[in-house]
Amino acid sequence: MAVEIYEVFDGTKDFSFKNQICRATVSVSNNIAEGFDRSSDADFARILYISLGSNSETKSMLYLAARLKYINNDQKIKLIAQSDKISRIIRGLIKSLSPK
């Protein structure tokens, strides 16, 4: 999703908006990578919640981008669907790390 966000917002003149949404979406995968090498499942799960928050930030900014007409409705629908899928995957991973 990060690559697609970068492509969609490439021409955006609102540089602070573009920077923030790009940073948020990159944080999703970066936090997963960072958490993967943590010493415990509990610590990994904690970092995954941070990743989930970054994904929610990205999603919030997508709604704002549509209202500001930075993206069209089709782009919004597609990217939010991707964000929702990522949330489900992260939540599933968190659940798999929970003590049985």
N, C-alpha and C. Protein backbone atom coordinates (compact mmCIF):
# COMPACT_ATOMS: atom_id res chain seq x y z
N MET A 1 0.82 -1.18 0.00
CA MET A 1 0.00 0.00 0.00
C MET A 1 0.87 1.26 0.00
N ALA A 2 2.02 1.20 0.66
CA ALA A 2 2.88 2.38 0.73
C ALA A 2 3.29 2.85 -0.66
N VAL A 3 3.64 1.92 -1.53
CA VAL A 3 4.05 2.29 -2.90
C VAL A 3 2.88 2.99 -3.61
N GLU A 4 1.70 2.45 -3.44
CA GLU A 4 0.54 3.06 -4.09
C GLU A 4 0.24 4.45 -3.53
N ILE A 5 0.37 4.62 -2.23
CA ILE A 5 0.17 5.94 -1.62
C ILE A 5 1.18 6.94 -2.20
N TYR A 6 2.43 6.52 -2.28
CA TYR A 6 3.45 7.41 -2.86
C TYR A 6 3.09 7.78 -4.29
N GLU A 7 2.62 6.82 -5.07
CA GLU A 7 2.27 7.10 -6.46
C GLU A 7 1.06 8.03 -6.56
N VAL A 8 0.03 7.76 -5.76
CA VAL A 8 -1.20 8.55 -5.83
C VAL A 8 -0.96 10.00 -5.42
N PHE A 9 -0.11 10.21 -4.42
CA PHE A 9 0.11 11.56 -3.90
C PHE A 9 1.36 12.23 -4.46
N ASP A 10 1.95 11.63 -5.48
CA ASP A 10 3.19 12.15 -6.07
C ASP A 10 3.07 13.61 -6.50
N GLY A 11 1.99 13.96 -7.13
CA GLY A 11 1.83 15.32 -7.66
C GLY A 11 1.15 16.29 -6.71
N THR A 12 0.87 15.85 -5.49
CA THR A 12 0.16 16.70 -4.53
C THR A 12 1.02 17.90 -4.15
N LYS A 13 0.42 19.07 -4.25
CA LYS A 13 1.14 20.31 -3.93
C LYS A 13 1.19 20.58 -2.42
N ASP A 14 0.28 19.96 -1.67
CA ASP A 14 0.25 20.12 -0.21
C ASP A 14 1.32 19.19 0.36
N PHE A 15 2.53 19.70 0.44
CA PHE A 15 3.68 18.87 0.80
C PHE A 15 3.61 18.34 2.22
N SER A 16 3.04 19.11 3.14
CA SER A 16 2.95 18.61 4.52
C SER A 16 1.95 17.46 4.60
N PHE A 17 0.85 17.54 3.86
CA PHE A 17 -0.11 16.44 3.82
C PHE A 17 0.54 15.21 3.20
N LYS A 18 1.16 15.41 2.06
CA LYS A 18 1.83 14.30 1.35
C LYS A 18 2.87 13.64 2.25
N ASN A 19 3.69 14.44 2.91
CA ASN A 19 4.71 13.91 3.80
C ASN A 19 4.10 13.08 4.93
N GLN A 20 3.03 13.60 5.52
CA GLN A 20 2.42 12.91 6.66
C GLN A 20 1.78 11.59 6.26
N ILE A 21 1.04 11.55 5.16
CA ILE A 21 0.39 10.31 4.76
C ILE A 21 1.44 9.28 4.31
N CYS A 22 2.49 9.74 3.66
CA CYS A 22 3.56 8.81 3.26
C CYS A 22 4.28 8.25 4.47
N ARG A 23 4.57 9.11 5.45
CA ARG A 23 5.23 8.63 6.67
C ARG A 23 4.35 7.65 7.42
N ALA A 24 3.06 7.94 7.51
CA ALA A 24 2.14 7.05 8.24
C ALA A 24 2.07 5.68 7.58
N THR A 25 1.95 5.65 6.27
CA THR A 25 1.80 4.35 5.59
C THR A 25 3.10 3.54 5.63
N VAL A 26 4.24 4.20 5.57
CA VAL A 26 5.52 3.49 5.67
C VAL A 26 5.70 2.94 7.09
N SER A 27 5.19 3.66 8.08
CA SER A 27 5.29 3.21 9.46
C SER A 27 4.59 1.88 9.69
N VAL A 28 3.57 1.60 8.93
CA VAL A 28 2.84 0.33 9.10
C VAL A 28 3.80 -0.84 8.92
N SER A 29 4.45 -0.91 7.78
CA SER A 29 5.35 -2.04 7.52
C SER A 29 6.64 -1.95 8.33
N ASN A 30 7.13 -0.74 8.56
CA ASN A 30 8.36 -0.60 9.36
C ASN A 30 8.16 -1.09 10.79
N ASN A 31 7.01 -0.78 11.37
CA ASN A 31 6.75 -1.26 12.73
C ASN A 31 6.61 -2.77 12.78
N ILE A 32 6.00 -3.36 11.78
CA ILE A 32 5.90 -4.82 11.74
C ILE A 32 7.30 -5.42 11.68
N ALA A 33 8.14 -4.86 10.83
CA ALA A 33 9.51 -5.36 10.71
C ALA A 33 10.27 -5.20 12.03
N GLU A 34 10.13 -4.05 12.65
CA GLU A 34 10.81 -3.82 13.93
C GLU A 34 10.31 -4.78 15.00
N GLY A 35 9.02 -4.94 15.09
CA GLY A 35 8.44 -5.81 16.11
C GLY A 35 8.80 -7.27 15.92
N PHE A 36 8.99 -7.68 14.70
CA PHE A 36 9.31 -9.08 14.40
C PHE A 36 10.58 -9.53 15.10
N ASP A 37 11.53 -8.64 15.24
CA ASP A 37 12.80 -8.99 15.86
C ASP A 37 12.84 -8.70 17.35
N ARG A 38 11.71 -8.45 17.96
CA ARG A 38 11.67 -8.23 19.40
C ARG A 38 11.83 -9.56 20.13
N SER A 39 12.15 -9.46 21.40
CA SER A 39 12.52 -10.65 22.17
C SER A 39 11.34 -11.48 22.66
N SER A 40 10.13 -10.94 22.58
CA SER A 40 8.99 -11.71 23.08
C SER A 40 7.75 -11.45 22.21
N ASP A 41 6.82 -12.39 22.28
CA ASP A 41 5.56 -12.22 21.55
C ASP A 41 4.78 -11.01 22.09
N ALA A 42 4.85 -10.79 23.41
CA ALA A 42 4.14 -9.66 24.00
C ALA A 42 4.68 -8.33 23.47
N ASP A 43 5.99 -8.25 23.34
CA ASP A 43 6.60 -7.03 22.82
C ASP A 43 6.26 -6.85 21.33
N PHE A 44 6.28 -7.95 20.59
CA PHE A 44 5.89 -7.90 19.18
C PHE A 44 4.45 -7.42 19.05
N ALA A 45 3.56 -7.96 19.88
CA ALA A 45 2.14 -7.55 19.84
C ALA A 45 2.00 -6.06 20.14
N ARG A 46 2.76 -5.56 21.10
CA ARG A 46 2.71 -4.13 21.45
C ARG A 46 3.09 -3.28 20.23
N ILE A 47 4.14 -3.69 19.54
CA ILE A 47 4.57 -2.95 18.34
C ILE A 47 3.53 -3.08 17.23
N LEU A 48 2.88 -4.22 17.14
CA LEU A 48 1.83 -4.40 16.12
C LEU A 48 0.67 -3.44 16.36
N TYR A 49 0.37 -3.16 17.63
CA TYR A 49 -0.68 -2.17 17.91
C TYR A 49 -0.26 -0.79 17.42
N ILE A 50 1.01 -0.48 17.50
CA ILE A 50 1.51 0.80 16.96
C ILE A 50 1.34 0.82 15.45
N SER A 51 1.64 -0.30 14.81
CA SER A 51 1.45 -0.43 13.36
C SER A 51 -0.02 -0.25 12.99
N LEU A 52 -0.88 -0.83 13.79
CA LEU A 52 -2.32 -0.69 13.57
C LEU A 52 -2.74 0.78 13.66
N GLY A 53 -2.14 1.49 14.61
CA GLY A 53 -2.43 2.92 14.75
C GLY A 53 -1.96 3.71 13.53
N SER A 54 -0.80 3.37 13.01
CA SER A 54 -0.31 4.04 11.79
C SER A 54 -1.24 3.76 10.62
N ASN A 55 -1.76 2.56 10.55
CA ASN A 55 -2.70 2.22 9.48
C ASN A 55 -3.99 3.03 9.64
N SER A 56 -4.44 3.20 10.87
CA SER A 56 -5.65 4.00 11.11
C SER A 56 -5.41 5.47 10.75
N GLU A 57 -4.21 5.96 11.03
CA GLU A 57 -3.86 7.33 10.65
C GLU A 57 -3.90 7.48 9.13
N THR A 58 -3.35 6.52 8.44
CA THR A 58 -3.37 6.54 6.97
C THR A 58 -4.81 6.56 6.46
N LYS A 59 -5.64 5.72 7.04
CA LYS A 59 -7.04 5.64 6.63
C LYS A 59 -7.76 6.97 6.88
N SER A 60 -7.52 7.57 8.03
CA SER A 60 -8.12 8.87 8.34
C SER A 60 -7.71 9.93 7.33
N MET A 61 -6.45 9.89 6.95
CA MET A 61 -5.94 10.86 5.99
C MET A 61 -6.51 10.62 4.59
N LEU A 62 -6.82 9.37 4.28
CA LEU A 62 -7.45 9.07 2.99
C LEU A 62 -8.85 9.69 2.92
N TYR A 63 -9.60 9.61 4.02
CA TYR A 63 -10.91 10.25 4.05
C TYR A 63 -10.76 11.77 3.87
N LEU A 64 -9.79 12.34 4.54
CA LEU A 64 -9.54 13.77 4.41
C LEU A 64 -9.10 14.12 2.99
N ALA A 65 -8.22 13.30 2.42
CA ALA A 65 -7.75 13.54 1.05
C ALA A 65 -8.92 13.57 0.06
N ALA A 66 -9.87 12.69 0.26
CA ALA A 66 -11.05 12.68 -0.63
C ALA A 66 -11.87 13.96 -0.45
N ARG A 67 -12.05 14.39 0.78
CA ARG A 67 -12.82 15.61 1.03
C ARG A 67 -12.11 16.85 0.48
N LEU A 68 -10.78 16.80 0.50
CA LEU A 68 -10.00 17.92 -0.04
C LEU A 68 -9.81 17.82 -1.55
N LYS A 69 -10.33 16.74 -2.13
CA LYS A 69 -10.25 16.48 -3.57
C LYS A 69 -8.82 16.22 -4.04
N TYR A 70 -7.98 15.67 -3.15
CA TYR A 70 -6.64 15.24 -3.53
C TYR A 70 -6.68 13.90 -4.23
N ILE A 71 -7.74 13.13 -3.94
CA ILE A 71 -7.96 11.83 -4.60
C ILE A 71 -9.42 11.75 -4.99
N ASN A 72 -9.71 10.92 -5.99
CA ASN A 72 -11.10 10.75 -6.40
C ASN A 72 -11.75 9.62 -5.58
N ASN A 73 -13.03 9.45 -5.74
CA ASN A 73 -13.78 8.47 -4.94
C ASN A 73 -13.30 7.04 -5.19
N ASP A 74 -13.00 6.71 -6.43
CA ASP A 74 -12.51 5.35 -6.73
C ASP A 74 -11.18 5.08 -6.02
N GLN A 75 -10.30 6.05 -6.02
CA GLN A 75 -9.02 5.88 -5.32
C GLN A 75 -9.26 5.71 -3.82
N LYS A 76 -10.16 6.53 -3.29
CA LYS A 76 -10.48 6.44 -1.86
C LYS A 76 -10.99 5.05 -1.51
N ILE A 77 -11.95 4.56 -2.28
CA ILE A 77 -12.55 3.25 -2.01
C ILE A 77 -11.49 2.15 -2.06
N LYS A 78 -10.66 2.19 -3.09
CA LYS A 78 -9.62 1.16 -3.25
C LYS A 78 -8.62 1.19 -2.11
N LEU A 79 -8.13 2.37 -1.77
CA LEU A 79 -7.10 2.49 -0.73
C LEU A 79 -7.66 2.18 0.66
N ILE A 80 -8.88 2.58 0.92
CA ILE A 80 -9.48 2.27 2.22
C ILE A 80 -9.73 0.78 2.35
N ALA A 81 -10.12 0.14 1.26
CA ALA A 81 -10.29 -1.32 1.28
C ALA A 81 -8.95 -2.00 1.59
N GLN A 82 -7.87 -1.49 1.01
CA GLN A 82 -6.54 -2.05 1.31
C GLN A 82 -6.19 -1.83 2.78
N SER A 83 -6.49 -0.65 3.29
CA SER A 83 -6.23 -0.34 4.69
C SER A 83 -7.03 -1.28 5.61
N ASP A 84 -8.29 -1.51 5.28
CA ASP A 84 -9.12 -2.43 6.07
C ASP A 84 -8.55 -3.84 6.06
N LYS A 85 -8.07 -4.29 4.90
CA LYS A 85 -7.47 -5.61 4.80
C LYS A 85 -6.20 -5.70 5.65
N ILE A 86 -5.39 -4.66 5.61
CA ILE A 86 -4.17 -4.63 6.42
C ILE A 86 -4.53 -4.69 7.91
N SER A 87 -5.56 -3.96 8.32
CA SER A 87 -6.01 -4.00 9.71
C SER A 87 -6.40 -5.41 10.13
N ARG A 88 -7.14 -6.08 9.27
CA ARG A 88 -7.56 -7.47 9.59
C ARG A 88 -6.35 -8.38 9.72
N ILE A 89 -5.38 -8.23 8.84
CA ILE A 89 -4.17 -9.06 8.89
C ILE A 89 -3.40 -8.80 10.18
N ILE A 90 -3.22 -7.53 10.52
CA ILE A 90 -2.49 -7.19 11.74
C ILE A 90 -3.23 -7.71 12.97
N ARG A 91 -4.53 -7.53 13.00
CA ARG A 91 -5.32 -8.03 14.15
C ARG A 91 -5.21 -9.55 14.26
N GLY A 92 -5.21 -10.23 13.13
CA GLY A 92 -5.04 -11.68 13.15
C GLY A 92 -3.68 -12.08 13.68
N LEU A 93 -2.66 -11.34 13.30
CA LEU A 93 -1.32 -11.62 13.80
C LEU A 93 -1.24 -11.37 15.30
N ILE A 94 -1.84 -10.29 15.76
CA ILE A 94 -1.87 -10.00 17.20
C ILE A 94 -2.56 -11.15 17.94
N LYS A 95 -3.70 -11.57 17.40
CA LYS A 95 -4.44 -12.67 18.04
C LYS A 95 -3.62 -13.94 18.09
N SER A 96 -2.84 -14.21 17.05
CA SER A 96 -2.03 -15.43 17.01
C SER A 96 -0.90 -15.38 18.04
N LEU A 97 -0.53 -14.20 18.48
CA LEU A 97 0.54 -14.06 19.46
C LEU A 97 0.03 -14.14 20.89
N SER A 98 -1.30 -14.06 21.06
CA SER A 98 -1.88 -14.09 22.40
C SER A 98 -1.66 -15.46 23.03
N PRO A 99 -1.43 -15.45 24.36
CA PRO A 99 -1.25 -16.75 25.04
C PRO A 99 -2.50 -17.62 24.87
N LYS A 100 -2.27 -18.88 24.67
CA LYS A 100 -3.39 -19.82 24.44
C LYS A 100 -3.98 -20.28 25.76
